[in-house]
Amino acid sequence: MKLKKNVGDLDALMRITIGLTGLAVSTARMVDRPYRTGPMITAALSAMKVGEGVTRFCPVLYLMGTNTLNPGNRRKTPYRIRRYPRTQYGRDS
């Protein structure tokens, strides 16, 4: 299995942000109650999300055969308003 990028820029940024937040919360909870399993599971899942964001590869997206790099409904070039011919008001052309 070759690790091809299948996570887009915004998706990777969201995964890193949410993963680091989850790691911070789970670390704070582990300080309070070190032998509970909930914070350890949260820390493991959050670390996985940070890893997916950094490597830009998600195994679940790979198994589903999809990616978030270039969705089909997204334009490849930015939208531009065409220039319309301007008319000079008050003058007859």
C-alpha atoms as a PDB file:
ATOM      1  CA  MET A   1       0.000   0.000   0.000  1.00  0.00           C
ATOM      2  CA  LYS A   2       1.537   3.263  -1.141  1.00  0.00           C
ATOM      3  CA  LEU A   3       0.700   6.320   0.924  1.00  0.00           C
ATOM      4  CA  LYS A   4      -0.774   8.785  -1.554  1.00  0.00           C
ATOM      5  CA  LYS A   5      -2.068  12.089  -0.264  1.00  0.00           C
ATOM      6  CA  ASN A   6      -5.832  11.933   0.084  1.00  0.00           C
ATOM      7  CA  VAL A   7      -6.438  14.759   2.589  1.00  0.00           C
ATOM      8  CA  GLY A   8      -6.866  18.345   1.403  1.00  0.00           C
ATOM      9  CA  ASP A   9      -5.338  21.492   2.904  1.00  0.00           C
ATOM     10  CA  LEU A  10      -8.338  22.609   4.942  1.00  0.00           C
ATOM     11  CA  ASP A  11      -9.072  19.069   6.068  1.00  0.00           C
ATOM     12  CA  ALA A  12      -5.456  18.592   7.210  1.00  0.00           C
ATOM     13  CA  LEU A  13      -5.523  21.870   9.124  1.00  0.00           C
ATOM     14  CA  MET A  14      -8.766  20.867  10.835  1.00  0.00           C
ATOM     15  CA  ARG A  15      -7.374  17.436  11.746  1.00  0.00           C
ATOM     16  CA  ILE A  16      -4.211  18.928  13.254  1.00  0.00           C
ATOM     17  CA  THR A  17      -6.137  21.570  15.218  1.00  0.00           C
ATOM     18  CA  ILE A  18      -8.751  19.169  16.572  1.00  0.00           C
ATOM     19  CA  GLY A  19      -6.107  16.539  17.306  1.00  0.00           C
ATOM     20  CA  LEU A  20      -3.911  18.927  19.288  1.00  0.00           C
ATOM     21  CA  THR A  21      -6.962  20.172  21.193  1.00  0.00           C
ATOM     22  CA  GLY A  22      -7.944  16.593  22.009  1.00  0.00           C
ATOM     23  CA  LEU A  23      -4.405  15.834  23.166  1.00  0.00           C
ATOM     24  CA  ALA A  24      -4.426  18.873  25.457  1.00  0.00           C
ATOM     25  CA  VAL A  25      -7.799  17.950  26.964  1.00  0.00           C
ATOM     26  CA  SER A  26      -6.876  14.305  27.459  1.00  0.00           C
ATOM     27  CA  THR A  27      -3.537  15.248  29.042  1.00  0.00           C
ATOM     28  CA  ALA A  28      -5.296  17.570  31.475  1.00  0.00           C
ATOM     29  CA  ARG A  29      -7.743  14.794  32.389  1.00  0.00           C
ATOM     30  CA  MET A  30      -4.965  12.232  32.808  1.00  0.00           C
ATOM     31  CA  VAL A  31      -3.263  14.523  35.341  1.00  0.00           C
ATOM     32  CA  ASP A  32      -6.451  14.544  37.401  1.00  0.00           C
ATOM     33  CA  ARG A  33      -7.230  10.809  37.099  1.00  0.00           C
ATOM     34  CA  PRO A  34      -4.236   8.929  35.680  1.00  0.00           C
ATOM     35  CA  TYR A  35      -5.714   5.412  35.634  1.00  0.00           C
ATOM     36  CA  ARG A  36      -8.911   6.065  33.685  1.00  0.00           C
ATOM     37  CA  THR A  37      -9.120   4.634  30.183  1.00  0.00           C
ATOM     38  CA  GLY A  38     -11.208   7.406  28.607  1.00  0.00           C
ATOM     39  CA  PRO A  39      -8.437  10.028  28.455  1.00  0.00           C
ATOM     40  CA  MET A  40      -5.984   7.416  27.156  1.00  0.00           C
ATOM     41  CA  ILE A  41      -8.311   6.459  24.313  1.00  0.00           C
ATOM     42  CA  THR A  42      -8.947  10.135  23.546  1.00  0.00           C
ATOM     43  CA  ALA A  43      -5.188  10.777  23.493  1.00  0.00           C
ATOM     44  CA  ALA A  44      -4.609   7.862  21.109  1.00  0.00           C
ATOM     45  CA  LEU A  45      -7.375   8.965  18.717  1.00  0.00           C
ATOM     46  CA  SER A  46      -6.210  12.583  18.849  1.00  0.00           C
ATOM     47  CA  ALA A  47      -2.619  11.577  18.117  1.00  0.00           C
ATOM     48  CA  MET A  48      -3.907   9.576  15.153  1.00  0.00           C
ATOM     49  CA  LYS A  49      -5.732  12.663  13.829  1.00  0.00           C
ATOM     50  CA  VAL A  50      -2.591  14.787  14.179  1.00  0.00           C
ATOM     51  CA  GLY A  51      -0.626  12.127  12.306  1.00  0.00           C
ATOM     52  CA  GLU A  52      -3.227  12.044   9.527  1.00  0.00           C
ATOM     53  CA  GLY A  53      -3.067  15.817   9.223  1.00  0.00           C
ATOM     54  CA  VAL A  54       0.719  15.925   9.092  1.00  0.00           C
ATOM     55  CA  THR A  55       1.137  13.050   6.620  1.00  0.00           C
ATOM     56  CA  ARG A  56      -2.041  14.054   4.706  1.00  0.00           C
ATOM     57  CA  PHE A  57      -3.080  10.408   4.430  1.00  0.00           C
ATOM     58  CA  CYS A  58      -6.225   8.969   6.008  1.00  0.00           C
ATOM     59  CA  PRO A  59      -6.642   5.189   5.966  1.00  0.00           C
ATOM     60  CA  VAL A  60     -10.439   5.422   6.298  1.00  0.00           C
ATOM     61  CA  LEU A  61     -10.666   7.647   3.210  1.00  0.00           C
ATOM     62  CA  TYR A  62      -8.344   5.206   1.432  1.00  0.00           C
ATOM     63  CA  LEU A  63     -10.594   2.256   2.265  1.00  0.00           C
ATOM     64  CA  MET A  64     -13.667   4.173   1.076  1.00  0.00           C
ATOM     65  CA  GLY A  65     -11.895   5.105  -2.160  1.00  0.00           C
ATOM     66  CA  THR A  66     -12.359   8.857  -1.782  1.00  0.00           C
ATOM     67  CA  ASN A  67     -10.250  11.907  -1.051  1.00  0.00           C
ATOM     68  CA  THR A  68     -10.680  15.521  -0.036  1.00  0.00           C
ATOM     69  CA  LEU A  69      -8.002  16.965  -2.308  1.00  0.00           C
ATOM     70  CA  ASN A  70     -10.117  18.139  -5.261  1.00  0.00           C
ATOM     71  CA  PRO A  71     -13.829  17.566  -4.758  1.00  0.00           C
ATOM     72  CA  GLY A  72     -15.782  17.267  -8.008  1.00  0.00           C
ATOM     73  CA  ASN A  73     -17.961  20.304  -7.356  1.00  0.00           C
ATOM     74  CA  ARG A  74     -15.009  22.601  -6.723  1.00  0.00           C
ATOM     75  CA  ARG A  75     -13.649  24.882  -9.407  1.00  0.00           C
ATOM     76  CA  LYS A  76      -9.983  24.531 -10.265  1.00  0.00           C
ATOM     77  CA  THR A  77      -9.623  28.239 -11.017  1.00  0.00           C
ATOM     78  CA  PRO A  78     -11.026  31.041  -8.918  1.00  0.00           C
ATOM     79  CA  TYR A  79     -14.281  32.542 -10.036  1.00  0.00           C
ATOM     80  CA  ARG A  80     -13.845  35.744 -12.025  1.00  0.00           C
ATOM     81  CA  ILE A  81     -16.484  38.239 -13.012  1.00  0.00           C
ATOM     82  CA  ARG A  82     -16.314  38.987 -16.682  1.00  0.00           C
ATOM     83  CA  ARG A  83     -15.945  42.570 -17.731  1.00  0.00           C
ATOM     84  CA  TYR A  84     -19.153  43.893 -19.133  1.00  0.00           C
ATOM     85  CA  PRO A  85     -19.098  46.731 -21.652  1.00  0.00           C
ATOM     86  CA  ARG A  86     -19.575  49.973 -19.843  1.00  0.00           C
ATOM     87  CA  THR A  87     -21.927  52.514 -21.241  1.00  0.00           C
ATOM     88  CA  GLN A  88     -21.545  56.186 -20.640  1.00  0.00           C
ATOM     89  CA  TYR A  89     -24.718  57.542 -19.173  1.00  0.00           C
ATOM     90  CA  GLY A  90     -25.983  60.780 -20.635  1.00  0.00           C
ATOM     91  CA  ARG A  91     -24.342  60.264 -24.000  1.00  0.00           C
ATOM     92  CA  ASP A  92     -25.851  58.688 -27.038  1.00  0.00           C
ATOM     93  CA  SER A  93     -23.571  56.223 -28.722  1.00  0.00           C
END
